[in-house]
Structures are given as C-alpha cells and as structure tokens.
Amino acid sequence: MKKILIIVWITIVLTVIYRFIQIIPENVGTGETKKSPDNNYQATAYAWSSESFWGEKRSWFEFKIEDVKSGNVVQKLETDPIAGPYFGSRSSYRIIYWKDDSSEVIFKFPYIDIKMRIKPEEEKQ
C-alpha cells in the first residue's frame, strides 16, 4: 500500500511539473514600438496571450506611450484583441503612426483607429 501511495505521489508531482513547463506561466506576445518624431516619447502596441495552469486562455492588446527620459507611462489602454492583420516584430504590417509634432499617436487597424494624445507641457502642471 505504501508503494502505491509513493507511485501516485510521484505521478502527481511529475504531472504538475510537466504542466508548469508546458504553459510557462507568463505572458507571451509580440508587438511594435516607434519613437515620436521629437524622440521624447515611445509608443508601443503589444498583442499578449497567456494560459493559466488549469487551461484558461486569455488574449488582449496593450497600447501605451512612455516618456523616453523618465520611463513613465503617459497613456495606457488594454483591450480585447482587435480584428485585423497580424502585427509585431515579425510582420511588415505597421500600425503606429505619430503626428509630425509628436502631440498624438494613432494605432491604425483596418476598421478602427485608436488615438492617444500627449498633454502639452503647460497642461501637465
């Protein structure tokens, strides 16, 4: 009886280890990054996915603007995936377009545009 319990225990532990390695519990994604024309900000768009230990899958998009000097996030938006072509580091399709004066960035998809504006310095205080 003791031998059977040891075999069951080892089987459970090995199964948990296998599942843990199989899902590698962290977010996996791809994305695009582009600096503003004045090089003060950086816009990023990521397509993320993850899977929990029990098999629950989640996918989402993250859009953000960061201040290059301080690293602070100026704007951030998370949303469900948006229909459109594949984008990211392995794609030639681009979705990030900065306005020439670096005041706003547009994330362009075939059926939707997401605009994020940068507050002018006089409005930040």
N, C-alpha and C. Protein backbone atom coordinates (compact mmCIF):
# COMPACT_ATOMS: atom_id res chain seq x y z
N MET A 1 0.82 -1.20 0.00
CA MET A 1 0.00 0.00 0.00
C MET A 1 0.86 1.26 0.00
N LYS A 2 1.94 1.24 0.77
CA LYS A 2 2.85 2.38 0.83
C LYS A 2 3.48 2.64 -0.53
N LYS A 3 3.82 1.58 -1.23
CA LYS A 3 4.44 1.71 -2.56
C LYS A 3 3.48 2.37 -3.54
N ILE A 4 2.22 2.02 -3.47
CA ILE A 4 1.21 2.60 -4.37
C ILE A 4 1.06 4.09 -4.08
N LEU A 5 1.03 4.49 -2.82
CA LEU A 5 0.93 5.91 -2.47
C LEU A 5 2.15 6.68 -2.96
N ILE A 6 3.31 6.12 -2.85
CA ILE A 6 4.53 6.77 -3.34
C ILE A 6 4.46 6.93 -4.85
N ILE A 7 4.01 5.91 -5.56
CA ILE A 7 3.90 5.98 -7.03
C ILE A 7 2.86 7.03 -7.43
N VAL A 8 1.72 7.07 -6.73
CA VAL A 8 0.68 8.08 -7.02
C VAL A 8 1.24 9.48 -6.75
N TRP A 9 1.92 9.66 -5.62
CA TRP A 9 2.50 10.96 -5.27
C TRP A 9 3.51 11.41 -6.32
N ILE A 10 4.40 10.54 -6.74
CA ILE A 10 5.40 10.87 -7.76
C ILE A 10 4.72 11.20 -9.08
N THR A 11 3.68 10.46 -9.44
CA THR A 11 2.94 10.73 -10.68
C THR A 11 2.29 12.12 -10.64
N ILE A 12 1.70 12.46 -9.51
CA ILE A 12 1.07 13.78 -9.37
C ILE A 12 2.13 14.88 -9.48
N VAL A 13 3.22 14.74 -8.78
CA VAL A 13 4.29 15.75 -8.82
C VAL A 13 4.83 15.90 -10.23
N LEU A 14 5.10 14.81 -10.92
CA LEU A 14 5.62 14.87 -12.29
C LEU A 14 4.60 15.50 -13.24
N THR A 15 3.32 15.21 -13.04
CA THR A 15 2.27 15.81 -13.87
C THR A 15 2.22 17.33 -13.67
N VAL A 16 2.29 17.77 -12.42
CA VAL A 16 2.28 19.21 -12.13
C VAL A 16 3.51 19.88 -12.73
N ILE A 17 4.66 19.28 -12.60
CA ILE A 17 5.89 19.84 -13.19
C ILE A 17 5.76 19.91 -14.71
N TYR A 18 5.25 18.85 -15.32
CA TYR A 18 5.08 18.83 -16.78
C TYR A 18 4.15 19.96 -17.23
N ARG A 19 3.01 20.12 -16.53
CA ARG A 19 2.05 21.16 -16.91
C ARG A 19 2.65 22.56 -16.70
N PHE A 20 3.38 22.73 -15.62
CA PHE A 20 4.03 24.01 -15.35
C PHE A 20 5.00 24.37 -16.48
N ILE A 21 5.80 23.42 -16.91
CA ILE A 21 6.74 23.65 -18.00
C ILE A 21 5.99 23.87 -19.32
N GLN A 22 4.91 23.14 -19.51
CA GLN A 22 4.14 23.24 -20.75
C GLN A 22 3.57 24.64 -20.96
N ILE A 23 3.06 25.27 -19.91
CA ILE A 23 2.43 26.58 -20.08
C ILE A 23 3.37 27.75 -19.79
N ILE A 24 4.49 27.50 -19.14
CA ILE A 24 5.42 28.56 -18.72
C ILE A 24 4.61 29.78 -18.28
N PRO A 25 4.26 29.85 -17.00
CA PRO A 25 3.30 30.85 -16.53
C PRO A 25 3.78 32.29 -16.62
N GLU A 26 3.76 32.81 -17.81
CA GLU A 26 3.99 34.23 -18.02
C GLU A 26 3.36 34.61 -19.34
N ASN A 27 3.20 35.89 -19.55
CA ASN A 27 2.58 36.38 -20.77
C ASN A 27 3.53 36.21 -21.95
N VAL A 28 2.94 35.85 -23.08
CA VAL A 28 3.69 35.70 -24.31
C VAL A 28 3.08 36.65 -25.33
N GLY A 29 3.92 37.37 -26.06
CA GLY A 29 3.36 38.31 -27.01
C GLY A 29 4.36 38.82 -28.01
N THR A 30 3.83 39.64 -28.89
CA THR A 30 4.65 40.31 -29.89
C THR A 30 4.13 41.74 -29.99
N GLY A 31 4.93 42.60 -30.56
CA GLY A 31 4.47 43.98 -30.64
C GLY A 31 5.32 44.84 -31.54
N GLU A 32 4.94 46.09 -31.53
CA GLU A 32 5.61 47.09 -32.35
C GLU A 32 5.92 48.30 -31.47
N THR A 33 7.05 48.92 -31.70
CA THR A 33 7.47 50.10 -30.96
C THR A 33 7.94 51.16 -31.94
N LYS A 34 7.58 52.41 -31.64
CA LYS A 34 8.04 53.50 -32.51
C LYS A 34 8.20 54.77 -31.68
N LYS A 35 9.36 55.42 -31.81
CA LYS A 35 9.61 56.68 -31.11
C LYS A 35 8.91 57.82 -31.84
N SER A 36 8.57 58.85 -31.06
CA SER A 36 7.94 60.04 -31.63
C SER A 36 8.97 60.81 -32.46
N PRO A 37 8.51 61.65 -33.39
CA PRO A 37 9.44 62.43 -34.21
C PRO A 37 10.42 63.28 -33.40
N ASP A 38 10.01 63.75 -32.22
CA ASP A 38 10.92 64.55 -31.40
C ASP A 38 11.76 63.69 -30.44
N ASN A 39 11.60 62.37 -30.51
CA ASN A 39 12.33 61.39 -29.68
C ASN A 39 12.08 61.52 -28.18
N ASN A 40 11.02 62.20 -27.77
CA ASN A 40 10.70 62.34 -26.35
C ASN A 40 9.80 61.22 -25.83
N TYR A 41 9.06 60.58 -26.75
CA TYR A 41 8.10 59.55 -26.35
C TYR A 41 8.30 58.30 -27.20
N GLN A 42 7.78 57.21 -26.66
CA GLN A 42 7.82 55.95 -27.40
C GLN A 42 6.44 55.30 -27.29
N ALA A 43 5.87 54.95 -28.43
CA ALA A 43 4.57 54.28 -28.47
C ALA A 43 4.81 52.78 -28.69
N THR A 44 4.04 51.97 -27.98
CA THR A 44 4.14 50.53 -28.16
C THR A 44 2.74 49.94 -28.28
N ALA A 45 2.65 48.91 -29.07
CA ALA A 45 1.42 48.13 -29.21
C ALA A 45 1.81 46.66 -29.09
N TYR A 46 1.19 45.98 -28.16
CA TYR A 46 1.50 44.57 -27.94
C TYR A 46 0.24 43.72 -28.08
N ALA A 47 0.41 42.54 -28.63
CA ALA A 47 -0.62 41.52 -28.64
C ALA A 47 -0.16 40.44 -27.66
N TRP A 48 -0.88 40.29 -26.55
CA TRP A 48 -0.49 39.37 -25.49
C TRP A 48 -1.41 38.17 -25.44
N SER A 49 -0.88 37.06 -24.93
CA SER A 49 -1.71 35.91 -24.62
C SER A 49 -1.08 35.18 -23.43
N SER A 50 -1.93 34.50 -22.68
CA SER A 50 -1.45 33.71 -21.56
C SER A 50 -2.41 32.56 -21.33
N GLU A 51 -1.94 31.58 -20.59
CA GLU A 51 -2.75 30.43 -20.24
C GLU A 51 -2.49 30.08 -18.79
N SER A 52 -3.55 29.88 -18.03
CA SER A 52 -3.40 29.53 -16.62
C SER A 52 -3.06 28.05 -16.49
N PHE A 53 -2.70 27.66 -15.31
CA PHE A 53 -2.37 26.26 -15.04
C PHE A 53 -3.53 25.34 -15.40
N TRP A 54 -4.76 25.81 -15.19
CA TRP A 54 -5.94 24.99 -15.43
C TRP A 54 -6.47 25.11 -16.86
N GLY A 55 -5.76 25.82 -17.74
CA GLY A 55 -6.12 25.86 -19.15
C GLY A 55 -6.93 27.06 -19.59
N GLU A 56 -7.21 27.99 -18.68
CA GLU A 56 -7.95 29.19 -19.06
C GLU A 56 -7.04 30.08 -19.89
N LYS A 57 -7.49 30.39 -21.12
CA LYS A 57 -6.68 31.21 -22.03
C LYS A 57 -7.20 32.63 -22.05
N ARG A 58 -6.27 33.56 -22.20
CA ARG A 58 -6.61 34.98 -22.27
C ARG A 58 -5.76 35.63 -23.35
N SER A 59 -6.39 36.48 -24.16
CA SER A 59 -5.68 37.28 -25.17
C SER A 59 -6.13 38.73 -25.03
N TRP A 60 -5.19 39.65 -25.21
CA TRP A 60 -5.53 41.07 -25.12
C TRP A 60 -4.47 41.89 -25.84
N PHE A 61 -4.84 43.13 -26.16
CA PHE A 61 -3.92 44.09 -26.75
C PHE A 61 -3.61 45.16 -25.71
N GLU A 62 -2.39 45.67 -25.77
CA GLU A 62 -1.98 46.75 -24.88
C GLU A 62 -1.34 47.84 -25.73
N PHE A 63 -1.82 49.06 -25.53
CA PHE A 63 -1.29 50.23 -26.23
C PHE A 63 -0.78 51.20 -25.17
N LYS A 64 0.42 51.73 -25.36
CA LYS A 64 0.90 52.70 -24.38
C LYS A 64 1.90 53.67 -24.97
N ILE A 65 2.01 54.80 -24.28
CA ILE A 65 3.00 55.82 -24.62
C ILE A 65 3.85 56.02 -23.37
N GLU A 66 5.16 55.99 -23.54
CA GLU A 66 6.08 56.20 -22.43
C GLU A 66 6.95 57.41 -22.69
N ASP A 67 7.29 58.11 -21.64
CA ASP A 67 8.27 59.18 -21.70
C ASP A 67 9.65 58.52 -21.78
N VAL A 68 10.41 58.82 -22.83
CA VAL A 68 11.69 58.15 -23.05
C VAL A 68 12.70 58.46 -21.94
N LYS A 69 12.74 59.71 -21.50
CA LYS A 69 13.73 60.10 -20.48
C LYS A 69 13.45 59.49 -19.11
N SER A 70 12.20 59.57 -18.66
CA SER A 70 11.88 59.10 -17.31
C SER A 70 11.40 57.65 -17.27
N GLY A 71 10.90 57.14 -18.40
CA GLY A 71 10.35 55.79 -18.43
C GLY A 71 8.92 55.72 -17.91
N ASN A 72 8.35 56.86 -17.52
CA ASN A 72 6.97 56.89 -17.02
C ASN A 72 5.98 56.63 -18.15
N VAL A 73 4.91 55.93 -17.80
CA VAL A 73 3.84 55.67 -18.76
C VAL A 73 2.93 56.89 -18.77
N VAL A 74 2.77 57.49 -19.96
CA VAL A 74 1.96 58.69 -20.13
C VAL A 74 0.50 58.31 -20.39
N GLN A 75 0.29 57.33 -21.23
CA GLN A 75 -1.05 56.82 -21.57
C GLN A 75 -0.96 55.30 -21.68
N LYS A 76 -2.04 54.61 -21.30
CA LYS A 76 -2.07 53.15 -21.44
C LYS A 76 -3.51 52.70 -21.62
N LEU A 77 -3.69 51.73 -22.52
CA LEU A 77 -5.00 51.17 -22.78
C LEU A 77 -4.86 49.67 -23.02
N GLU A 78 -5.67 48.88 -22.34
CA GLU A 78 -5.75 47.45 -22.60
C GLU A 78 -7.13 47.16 -23.15
N THR A 79 -7.20 46.30 -24.16
CA THR A 79 -8.46 45.99 -24.81
C THR A 79 -8.46 44.55 -25.31
N ASP A 80 -9.63 44.05 -25.60
CA ASP A 80 -9.73 42.74 -26.24
C ASP A 80 -9.04 42.83 -27.60
N PRO A 81 -8.60 41.71 -28.15
CA PRO A 81 -7.96 41.76 -29.47
C PRO A 81 -8.85 42.43 -30.52
N ILE A 82 -8.21 43.15 -31.41
CA ILE A 82 -8.91 43.87 -32.48
C ILE A 82 -8.67 43.12 -33.78
N ALA A 83 -9.75 42.92 -34.53
CA ALA A 83 -9.63 42.22 -35.81
C ALA A 83 -8.74 43.01 -36.76
N GLY A 84 -7.92 42.31 -37.46
CA GLY A 84 -7.03 42.96 -38.41
C GLY A 84 -5.84 42.08 -38.70
N PRO A 85 -4.96 42.57 -39.53
CA PRO A 85 -3.79 41.77 -39.88
C PRO A 85 -2.83 41.62 -38.70
N TYR A 86 -2.04 40.60 -38.77
CA TYR A 86 -1.02 40.33 -37.76
C TYR A 86 -0.01 41.47 -37.76
N PHE A 87 0.35 41.96 -36.60
CA PHE A 87 1.38 42.99 -36.49
C PHE A 87 2.39 42.53 -35.45
N GLY A 88 3.53 43.16 -35.47
CA GLY A 88 4.54 42.83 -34.47
C GLY A 88 5.92 42.77 -35.07
N SER A 89 6.84 42.25 -34.28
CA SER A 89 8.24 42.26 -34.68
C SER A 89 8.53 41.38 -35.89
N ARG A 90 7.66 40.41 -36.15
CA ARG A 90 7.89 39.51 -37.29
C ARG A 90 7.01 39.82 -38.49
N SER A 91 6.42 41.00 -38.49
CA SER A 91 5.49 41.38 -39.55
C SER A 91 5.94 42.68 -40.21
N SER A 92 5.63 42.82 -41.48
CA SER A 92 5.93 44.08 -42.16
C SER A 92 4.76 45.06 -42.03
N TYR A 93 3.62 44.60 -41.52
CA TYR A 93 2.46 45.46 -41.34
C TYR A 93 2.68 46.36 -40.13
N ARG A 94 2.54 47.66 -40.31
CA ARG A 94 2.77 48.63 -39.23
C ARG A 94 1.46 49.27 -38.81
N ILE A 95 1.32 49.52 -37.50
CA ILE A 95 0.08 50.12 -37.01
C ILE A 95 0.31 51.45 -36.28
N ILE A 96 1.56 51.79 -35.94
CA ILE A 96 1.85 53.01 -35.17
C ILE A 96 2.23 54.17 -36.08
N TYR A 97 1.49 55.27 -35.94
CA TYR A 97 1.75 56.47 -36.75
C TYR A 97 1.71 57.70 -35.84
N TRP A 98 2.82 58.39 -35.75
CA TRP A 98 2.90 59.61 -34.95
C TRP A 98 2.51 60.83 -35.78
N LYS A 99 1.89 61.80 -35.14
CA LYS A 99 1.66 63.10 -35.75
C LYS A 99 3.02 63.80 -35.83
N ASP A 100 3.24 64.63 -36.85
CA ASP A 100 4.54 65.27 -37.06
C ASP A 100 5.04 66.08 -35.86
N ASP A 101 4.11 66.68 -35.10
CA ASP A 101 4.53 67.50 -33.95
C ASP A 101 4.62 66.68 -32.65
N SER A 102 4.52 65.37 -32.74
CA SER A 102 4.61 64.44 -31.60
C SER A 102 3.53 64.65 -30.55
N SER A 103 2.42 65.28 -30.92
CA SER A 103 1.35 65.55 -29.96
C SER A 103 0.37 64.38 -29.82
N GLU A 104 0.35 63.49 -30.79
CA GLU A 104 -0.52 62.32 -30.69
C GLU A 104 -0.01 61.18 -31.55
N VAL A 105 -0.44 59.99 -31.17
CA VAL A 105 -0.10 58.79 -31.92
C VAL A 105 -1.40 58.08 -32.29
N ILE A 106 -1.42 57.48 -33.46
CA ILE A 106 -2.59 56.74 -33.91
C ILE A 106 -2.16 55.29 -34.15
N PHE A 107 -2.91 54.38 -33.56
CA PHE A 107 -2.73 52.95 -33.81
C PHE A 107 -3.79 52.56 -34.82
N LYS A 108 -3.38 52.27 -36.05
CA LYS A 108 -4.31 52.07 -37.16
C LYS A 108 -4.56 50.59 -37.45
N PHE A 109 -5.84 50.22 -37.42
CA PHE A 109 -6.30 48.90 -37.83
C PHE A 109 -7.27 49.09 -38.98
N PRO A 110 -7.59 48.05 -39.73
CA PRO A 110 -8.47 48.25 -40.88
C PRO A 110 -9.82 48.90 -40.56
N TYR A 111 -10.41 48.59 -39.40
CA TYR A 111 -11.75 49.09 -39.11
C TYR A 111 -11.83 49.99 -37.89
N ILE A 112 -10.69 50.29 -37.30
CA ILE A 112 -10.69 51.13 -36.11
C ILE A 112 -9.33 51.83 -35.97
N ASP A 113 -9.37 53.06 -35.51
CA ASP A 113 -8.15 53.80 -35.17
C ASP A 113 -8.21 54.15 -33.68
N ILE A 114 -7.11 53.99 -32.99
CA ILE A 114 -7.02 54.37 -31.59
C ILE A 114 -6.06 55.55 -31.50
N LYS A 115 -6.57 56.69 -31.01
CA LYS A 115 -5.74 57.90 -30.88
C LYS A 115 -5.40 58.12 -29.42
N MET A 116 -4.13 58.45 -29.19
CA MET A 116 -3.69 58.84 -27.86
C MET A 116 -2.96 60.16 -28.00
N ARG A 117 -3.33 61.12 -27.16
CA ARG A 117 -2.71 62.44 -27.22
C ARG A 117 -1.75 62.63 -26.05
N ILE A 118 -0.75 63.46 -26.30
CA ILE A 118 0.20 63.86 -25.28
C ILE A 118 -0.22 65.23 -24.78
N LYS A 119 -0.30 65.40 -23.47
CA LYS A 119 -0.65 66.71 -22.92
C LYS A 119 0.50 67.68 -23.17
N PRO A 120 0.18 68.90 -23.63
CA PRO A 120 1.24 69.92 -23.74
C PRO A 120 1.82 70.22 -22.37
N GLU A 121 3.07 70.66 -22.32
CA GLU A 121 3.79 70.95 -21.07
C GLU A 121 2.99 71.89 -20.15
N GLU A 122 2.34 72.92 -20.74
CA GLU A 122 1.62 73.88 -19.90
C GLU A 122 0.40 73.25 -19.22
N GLU A 123 -0.13 72.16 -19.76
CA GLU A 123 -1.29 71.50 -19.16
C GLU A 123 -0.89 70.45 -18.13
N LYS A 124 0.36 70.04 -18.08
CA LYS A 124 0.80 68.99 -17.19
C LYS A 124 0.87 69.41 -15.74
N GLN A 125 0.95 70.70 -15.48
CA GLN A 125 1.12 71.17 -14.11
C GLN A 125 -0.16 71.40 -13.40
